[in-house]
Amino acid sequence: MPIKRKSTSEKLSPMELEIMQAFWKLKAASIREVQEALPEKRKVEYTTVQTIVYRLEKKGAVRRAKKIGNAHVFEPTVTKKSAIGSLVDDFLSLFGGSAEPVMLHMAESGKLSLEDLKALEDAIKETREKKEAGDE
């Protein structure tokens, strides 16, 4: 079944997002596979990953896709794009919804490159073109 383009109404914690990163990379995985896919510096116990996966399931971010032997295979039900979008929207709300202070900080700190700006400009143009095409 394809991944739905929905977002979870509940916020995801940093550790839940790390687990989701593994799911987005693997597409579908058992708890053991997720645990093994975590970065070496972030290895956690199997039972911790299990608890977080069950919490993600309750939040609607993953679902059980199938069962192989005693292991359940889970798959994400939210896209990386929608999860990131939700986080960014929440973060920007701290600044009254304006991206300007964040963009200025990123530029001044050297975290925003000319390539980033070009990609941003292209995305803005594409979004504008889609809106204009939809208005006709």
N, C-alpha and C. Protein backbone atom coordinates (compact mmCIF):
# COMPACT_ATOMS: atom_id res chain seq x y z
N MET A 1 0.84 -1.17 0.00
CA MET A 1 0.00 0.00 0.00
C MET A 1 0.89 1.25 0.00
N PRO A 2 0.57 2.26 -0.79
CA PRO A 2 1.43 3.44 -0.86
C PRO A 2 1.39 4.27 0.42
N ILE A 3 2.41 5.06 0.61
CA ILE A 3 2.48 5.95 1.77
C ILE A 3 1.48 7.07 1.55
N LYS A 4 0.68 7.33 2.56
CA LYS A 4 -0.29 8.41 2.49
C LYS A 4 0.43 9.74 2.66
N ARG A 5 -0.09 10.78 2.08
CA ARG A 5 0.48 12.11 2.17
C ARG A 5 -0.17 12.89 3.31
N LYS A 6 -0.36 12.23 4.43
CA LYS A 6 -0.99 12.91 5.55
C LYS A 6 0.07 13.29 6.57
N SER A 7 -0.33 14.07 7.52
CA SER A 7 0.58 14.39 8.61
C SER A 7 -0.07 13.95 9.91
N THR A 8 0.74 13.62 10.85
CA THR A 8 0.21 13.24 12.15
C THR A 8 -0.15 14.50 12.91
N SER A 9 -1.28 14.47 13.59
CA SER A 9 -1.71 15.66 14.32
C SER A 9 -0.89 15.84 15.59
N GLU A 10 -0.26 14.79 16.06
CA GLU A 10 0.55 14.88 17.27
C GLU A 10 2.00 15.18 16.90
N LYS A 11 2.64 15.96 17.72
CA LYS A 11 4.04 16.33 17.49
C LYS A 11 4.94 15.12 17.71
N LEU A 12 6.01 15.07 16.93
CA LEU A 12 6.98 13.99 17.07
C LEU A 12 8.19 14.50 17.84
N SER A 13 8.65 13.70 18.79
CA SER A 13 9.83 14.05 19.58
C SER A 13 11.08 13.86 18.73
N PRO A 14 12.22 14.41 19.18
CA PRO A 14 13.46 14.21 18.42
C PRO A 14 13.80 12.72 18.21
N MET A 15 13.61 11.89 19.23
CA MET A 15 13.91 10.46 19.07
C MET A 15 12.91 9.81 18.11
N GLU A 16 11.66 10.21 18.17
CA GLU A 16 10.67 9.67 17.23
C GLU A 16 11.04 10.06 15.80
N LEU A 17 11.54 11.27 15.61
CA LEU A 17 11.97 11.69 14.28
C LEU A 17 13.17 10.86 13.80
N GLU A 18 14.07 10.52 14.71
CA GLU A 18 15.20 9.67 14.34
C GLU A 18 14.72 8.30 13.88
N ILE A 19 13.76 7.76 14.58
CA ILE A 19 13.19 6.47 14.20
C ILE A 19 12.48 6.59 12.84
N MET A 20 11.77 7.70 12.65
CA MET A 20 11.09 7.93 11.37
C MET A 20 12.09 8.03 10.23
N GLN A 21 13.26 8.63 10.49
CA GLN A 21 14.30 8.71 9.46
C GLN A 21 14.65 7.31 8.97
N ALA A 22 14.77 6.37 9.91
CA ALA A 22 15.08 4.98 9.54
C ALA A 22 13.95 4.40 8.69
N PHE A 23 12.70 4.65 9.08
CA PHE A 23 11.57 4.14 8.30
C PHE A 23 11.54 4.75 6.90
N TRP A 24 11.79 6.05 6.78
CA TRP A 24 11.78 6.68 5.46
C TRP A 24 12.88 6.12 4.59
N LYS A 25 13.99 5.78 5.18
CA LYS A 25 15.11 5.20 4.42
C LYS A 25 14.81 3.75 4.02
N LEU A 26 14.28 2.97 4.96
CA LEU A 26 14.06 1.54 4.74
C LEU A 26 12.72 1.23 4.06
N LYS A 27 11.78 2.16 4.10
CA LYS A 27 10.42 2.01 3.55
C LYS A 27 9.53 1.15 4.45
N ALA A 28 9.96 -0.03 4.81
CA ALA A 28 9.25 -0.92 5.73
C ALA A 28 10.30 -1.71 6.49
N ALA A 29 10.07 -1.90 7.79
CA ALA A 29 11.11 -2.55 8.58
C ALA A 29 10.55 -3.09 9.89
N SER A 30 11.23 -4.09 10.40
CA SER A 30 10.92 -4.61 11.73
C SER A 30 11.59 -3.70 12.76
N ILE A 31 11.23 -3.88 14.00
CA ILE A 31 11.84 -3.08 15.06
C ILE A 31 13.35 -3.33 15.10
N ARG A 32 13.77 -4.57 14.95
CA ARG A 32 15.20 -4.91 14.94
C ARG A 32 15.91 -4.19 13.79
N GLU A 33 15.31 -4.17 12.60
CA GLU A 33 15.92 -3.49 11.45
C GLU A 33 16.05 -1.99 11.69
N VAL A 34 15.05 -1.41 12.33
CA VAL A 34 15.11 0.01 12.67
C VAL A 34 16.23 0.26 13.65
N GLN A 35 16.32 -0.56 14.68
CA GLN A 35 17.38 -0.42 15.68
C GLN A 35 18.75 -0.48 15.01
N GLU A 36 18.94 -1.43 14.11
CA GLU A 36 20.23 -1.59 13.44
C GLU A 36 20.53 -0.45 12.47
N ALA A 37 19.49 0.23 11.98
CA ALA A 37 19.67 1.33 11.03
C ALA A 37 20.00 2.66 11.69
N LEU A 38 19.86 2.72 13.02
CA LEU A 38 20.16 3.97 13.72
C LEU A 38 21.65 4.27 13.65
N PRO A 39 22.02 5.54 13.61
CA PRO A 39 23.44 5.89 13.59
C PRO A 39 24.17 5.29 14.79
N GLU A 40 25.41 4.93 14.59
CA GLU A 40 26.22 4.28 15.63
C GLU A 40 26.21 5.07 16.93
N LYS A 41 26.31 6.38 16.84
CA LYS A 41 26.35 7.22 18.04
C LYS A 41 25.01 7.29 18.75
N ARG A 42 23.94 6.83 18.11
CA ARG A 42 22.60 6.90 18.68
C ARG A 42 21.99 5.52 18.92
N LYS A 43 22.83 4.50 19.02
CA LYS A 43 22.30 3.16 19.26
C LYS A 43 21.59 3.11 20.60
N VAL A 44 20.39 2.56 20.59
CA VAL A 44 19.61 2.42 21.82
C VAL A 44 19.14 0.97 21.91
N GLU A 45 18.70 0.59 23.07
CA GLU A 45 18.25 -0.77 23.31
C GLU A 45 17.02 -1.11 22.45
N TYR A 46 16.89 -2.38 22.14
CA TYR A 46 15.77 -2.87 21.35
C TYR A 46 14.44 -2.45 21.97
N THR A 47 14.32 -2.60 23.29
CA THR A 47 13.04 -2.30 23.95
C THR A 47 12.70 -0.80 23.87
N THR A 48 13.73 0.04 23.83
CA THR A 48 13.50 1.48 23.67
C THR A 48 12.94 1.76 22.28
N VAL A 49 13.56 1.17 21.27
CA VAL A 49 13.06 1.34 19.90
C VAL A 49 11.64 0.80 19.79
N GLN A 50 11.40 -0.35 20.40
CA GLN A 50 10.07 -0.96 20.38
C GLN A 50 9.03 0.00 20.98
N THR A 51 9.34 0.57 22.13
CA THR A 51 8.43 1.51 22.78
C THR A 51 8.13 2.71 21.87
N ILE A 52 9.17 3.23 21.24
CA ILE A 52 9.00 4.40 20.37
C ILE A 52 8.19 4.04 19.13
N VAL A 53 8.45 2.88 18.55
CA VAL A 53 7.68 2.45 17.37
C VAL A 53 6.21 2.28 17.73
N TYR A 54 5.93 1.69 18.87
CA TYR A 54 4.52 1.55 19.29
C TYR A 54 3.88 2.92 19.54
N ARG A 55 4.65 3.85 20.07
CA ARG A 55 4.14 5.22 20.28
C ARG A 55 3.86 5.87 18.92
N LEU A 56 4.76 5.66 17.95
CA LEU A 56 4.54 6.20 16.60
C LEU A 56 3.31 5.58 15.95
N GLU A 57 3.10 4.30 16.23
CA GLU A 57 1.91 3.62 15.69
C GLU A 57 0.65 4.25 16.29
N LYS A 58 0.67 4.50 17.59
CA LYS A 58 -0.49 5.10 18.26
C LYS A 58 -0.76 6.51 17.72
N LYS A 59 0.29 7.24 17.38
CA LYS A 59 0.15 8.59 16.83
C LYS A 59 -0.27 8.56 15.36
N GLY A 60 -0.20 7.40 14.73
CA GLY A 60 -0.58 7.30 13.33
C GLY A 60 0.55 7.59 12.35
N ALA A 61 1.77 7.63 12.84
CA ALA A 61 2.92 7.92 11.97
C ALA A 61 3.44 6.67 11.27
N VAL A 62 3.22 5.50 11.87
CA VAL A 62 3.57 4.21 11.24
C VAL A 62 2.40 3.26 11.42
N ARG A 63 2.41 2.20 10.64
CA ARG A 63 1.39 1.17 10.80
C ARG A 63 2.02 -0.20 10.55
N ARG A 64 1.36 -1.22 11.05
CA ARG A 64 1.84 -2.59 10.84
C ARG A 64 1.45 -2.99 9.42
N ALA A 65 2.45 -3.35 8.63
CA ALA A 65 2.22 -3.72 7.23
C ALA A 65 2.00 -5.22 7.09
N LYS A 66 2.79 -6.00 7.84
CA LYS A 66 2.67 -7.46 7.78
C LYS A 66 3.41 -8.06 8.96
N LYS A 67 3.27 -9.36 9.07
CA LYS A 67 3.96 -10.08 10.14
C LYS A 67 4.76 -11.21 9.52
N ILE A 68 6.03 -11.28 9.89
CA ILE A 68 6.91 -12.35 9.42
C ILE A 68 7.38 -13.09 10.65
N GLY A 69 6.90 -14.32 10.82
CA GLY A 69 7.19 -15.07 12.03
C GLY A 69 6.58 -14.34 13.20
N ASN A 70 7.40 -14.00 14.19
CA ASN A 70 6.91 -13.24 15.35
C ASN A 70 7.13 -11.73 15.20
N ALA A 71 7.78 -11.33 14.12
CA ALA A 71 8.13 -9.91 13.96
C ALA A 71 7.11 -9.18 13.10
N HIS A 72 6.69 -8.04 13.58
CA HIS A 72 5.84 -7.16 12.80
C HIS A 72 6.72 -6.26 11.94
N VAL A 73 6.28 -6.04 10.72
CA VAL A 73 6.96 -5.10 9.83
C VAL A 73 6.09 -3.85 9.77
N PHE A 74 6.71 -2.73 10.08
CA PHE A 74 6.00 -1.45 10.10
C PHE A 74 6.41 -0.63 8.89
N GLU A 75 5.52 0.27 8.48
CA GLU A 75 5.84 1.20 7.40
C GLU A 75 5.33 2.59 7.78
N PRO A 76 6.00 3.62 7.29
CA PRO A 76 5.56 4.98 7.62
C PRO A 76 4.24 5.31 6.93
N THR A 77 3.42 6.08 7.60
CA THR A 77 2.17 6.55 7.00
C THR A 77 2.21 8.06 6.76
N VAL A 78 3.28 8.69 7.21
CA VAL A 78 3.49 10.11 6.93
C VAL A 78 4.77 10.26 6.13
N THR A 79 4.78 11.22 5.25
CA THR A 79 5.98 11.46 4.44
C THR A 79 6.97 12.31 5.21
N LYS A 80 8.20 12.21 4.79
CA LYS A 80 9.25 13.03 5.39
C LYS A 80 8.93 14.50 5.15
N LYS A 81 8.47 14.81 3.95
CA LYS A 81 8.14 16.18 3.60
C LYS A 81 7.06 16.76 4.51
N SER A 82 6.01 15.98 4.79
CA SER A 82 4.94 16.51 5.64
C SER A 82 5.40 16.65 7.09
N ALA A 83 6.22 15.73 7.57
CA ALA A 83 6.74 15.82 8.94
C ALA A 83 7.65 17.04 9.10
N ILE A 84 8.53 17.24 8.13
CA ILE A 84 9.43 18.39 8.17
C ILE A 84 8.62 19.68 8.04
N GLY A 85 7.65 19.69 7.16
CA GLY A 85 6.80 20.87 6.99
C GLY A 85 6.11 21.26 8.28
N SER A 86 5.60 20.28 8.99
CA SER A 86 4.93 20.53 10.25
C SER A 86 5.89 21.11 11.29
N LEU A 87 7.10 20.56 11.36
CA LEU A 87 8.12 21.06 12.29
C LEU A 87 8.50 22.50 11.96
N VAL A 88 8.71 22.77 10.68
CA VAL A 88 9.11 24.11 10.26
C VAL A 88 8.00 25.11 10.55
N ASP A 89 6.75 24.73 10.25
CA ASP A 89 5.62 25.62 10.54
C ASP A 89 5.55 25.94 12.03
N ASP A 90 5.73 24.92 12.87
CA ASP A 90 5.71 25.13 14.32
C ASP A 90 6.84 26.06 14.75
N PHE A 91 8.01 25.84 14.18
CA PHE A 91 9.17 26.67 14.52
C PHE A 91 8.94 28.12 14.10
N LEU A 92 8.46 28.32 12.87
CA LEU A 92 8.23 29.68 12.37
C LEU A 92 7.15 30.40 13.16
N SER A 93 6.22 29.64 13.73
CA SER A 93 5.18 30.28 14.54
C SER A 93 5.78 31.00 15.74
N LEU A 94 6.95 30.56 16.18
CA LEU A 94 7.65 31.25 17.27
C LEU A 94 8.09 32.65 16.87
N PHE A 95 8.18 32.90 15.55
CA PHE A 95 8.60 34.19 15.02
C PHE A 95 7.43 34.89 14.32
N GLY A 96 6.24 34.58 14.76
CA GLY A 96 5.06 35.19 14.16
C GLY A 96 4.79 34.70 12.76
N GLY A 97 5.35 33.56 12.40
CA GLY A 97 5.13 32.97 11.08
C GLY A 97 6.09 33.46 10.02
N SER A 98 6.96 34.40 10.35
CA SER A 98 7.89 34.96 9.38
C SER A 98 9.18 34.14 9.31
N ALA A 99 9.62 33.86 8.10
CA ALA A 99 10.87 33.14 7.90
C ALA A 99 12.07 34.06 7.91
N GLU A 100 11.84 35.37 7.82
CA GLU A 100 12.94 36.33 7.68
C GLU A 100 14.00 36.22 8.78
N PRO A 101 13.62 36.20 10.09
CA PRO A 101 14.68 36.12 11.11
C PRO A 101 15.49 34.84 11.01
N VAL A 102 14.85 33.77 10.64
CA VAL A 102 15.54 32.48 10.51
C VAL A 102 16.49 32.53 9.32
N MET A 103 16.01 33.05 8.19
CA MET A 103 16.84 33.12 6.99
C MET A 103 18.04 34.05 7.22
N LEU A 104 17.82 35.19 7.89
CA LEU A 104 18.91 36.11 8.18
C LEU A 104 19.97 35.44 9.06
N HIS A 105 19.51 34.72 10.08
CA HIS A 105 20.46 34.03 10.95
C HIS A 105 21.25 32.98 10.16
N MET A 106 20.55 32.23 9.32
CA MET A 106 21.23 31.20 8.54
C MET A 106 22.26 31.82 7.60
N ALA A 107 21.92 32.94 6.98
CA ALA A 107 22.87 33.62 6.09
C ALA A 107 24.06 34.15 6.86
N GLU A 108 23.79 34.81 7.99
CA GLU A 108 24.87 35.41 8.79
C GLU A 108 25.77 34.36 9.43
N SER A 109 25.24 33.20 9.72
CA SER A 109 26.05 32.15 10.35
C SER A 109 26.75 31.26 9.32
N GLY A 110 26.49 31.51 8.04
CA GLY A 110 27.14 30.73 6.99
C GLY A 110 26.47 29.40 6.71
N LYS A 111 25.28 29.20 7.24
CA LYS A 111 24.57 27.93 7.03
C LYS A 111 23.68 27.95 5.80
N LEU A 112 23.62 29.09 5.13
CA LEU A 112 22.80 29.23 3.93
C LEU A 112 23.74 29.58 2.78
N SER A 113 23.89 28.65 1.84
CA SER A 113 24.83 28.84 0.73
C SER A 113 24.11 29.45 -0.48
N LEU A 114 24.89 29.84 -1.45
CA LEU A 114 24.31 30.35 -2.69
C LEU A 114 23.51 29.25 -3.39
N GLU A 115 23.98 28.00 -3.26
CA GLU A 115 23.23 26.87 -3.84
C GLU A 115 21.88 26.72 -3.15
N ASP A 116 21.87 26.90 -1.83
CA ASP A 116 20.61 26.85 -1.08
C ASP A 116 19.66 27.93 -1.56
N LEU A 117 20.19 29.14 -1.76
CA LEU A 117 19.36 30.25 -2.23
C LEU A 117 18.80 29.99 -3.63
N LYS A 118 19.61 29.40 -4.48
CA LYS A 118 19.16 29.07 -5.83
C LYS A 118 18.04 28.03 -5.76
N ALA A 119 18.19 27.02 -4.93
CA ALA A 119 17.16 25.99 -4.77
C ALA A 119 15.88 26.61 -4.22
N LEU A 120 16.04 27.54 -3.28
CA LEU A 120 14.89 28.23 -2.70
C LEU A 120 14.18 29.07 -3.77
N GLU A 121 14.95 29.78 -4.56
CA GLU A 121 14.38 30.60 -5.64
C GLU A 121 13.62 29.72 -6.63
N ASP A 122 14.20 28.59 -6.99
CA ASP A 122 13.54 27.66 -7.91
C ASP A 122 12.23 27.14 -7.32
N ALA A 123 12.24 26.81 -6.03
CA ALA A 123 11.04 26.31 -5.37
C ALA A 123 9.95 27.38 -5.33
N ILE A 124 10.33 28.63 -5.08
CA ILE A 124 9.37 29.73 -5.05
C ILE A 124 8.75 29.91 -6.44
N LYS A 125 9.58 29.88 -7.47
CA LYS A 125 9.07 30.02 -8.84
C LYS A 125 8.10 28.88 -9.18
N GLU A 126 8.48 27.66 -8.81
CA GLU A 126 7.63 26.50 -9.10
C GLU A 126 6.29 26.61 -8.38
N THR A 127 6.34 27.02 -7.12
CA THR A 127 5.10 27.18 -6.34
C THR A 127 4.22 28.26 -6.96
N ARG A 128 4.83 29.37 -7.36
CA ARG A 128 4.07 30.47 -7.98
C ARG A 128 3.44 30.00 -9.29
N GLU A 129 4.19 29.25 -10.09
CA GLU A 129 3.67 28.76 -11.37
C GLU A 129 2.50 27.80 -11.16
N LYS A 130 2.60 26.95 -10.15
CA LYS A 130 1.51 26.02 -9.86
C LYS A 130 0.26 26.77 -9.44
N LYS A 131 0.43 27.81 -8.60
CA LYS A 131 -0.70 28.61 -8.16
C LYS A 131 -1.35 29.32 -9.34
N GLU A 132 -0.53 29.89 -10.22
CA GLU A 132 -1.06 30.61 -11.38
C GLU A 132 -1.78 29.65 -12.32
N ALA A 133 -1.27 28.45 -12.49
CA ALA A 133 -1.91 27.46 -13.36
C ALA A 133 -3.24 27.01 -12.76
N GLY A 134 -3.30 26.95 -11.44
CA GLY A 134 -4.54 26.53 -10.76
C GLY A 134 -5.59 27.62 -10.76
N ASP A 135 -5.19 28.88 -10.90
CA ASP A 135 -6.13 30.00 -10.88
C ASP A 135 -6.83 30.18 -12.21
N GLU A 136 -6.32 29.57 -13.26
CA GLU A 136 -6.90 29.78 -14.60
C GLU A 136 -8.20 29.05 -14.79
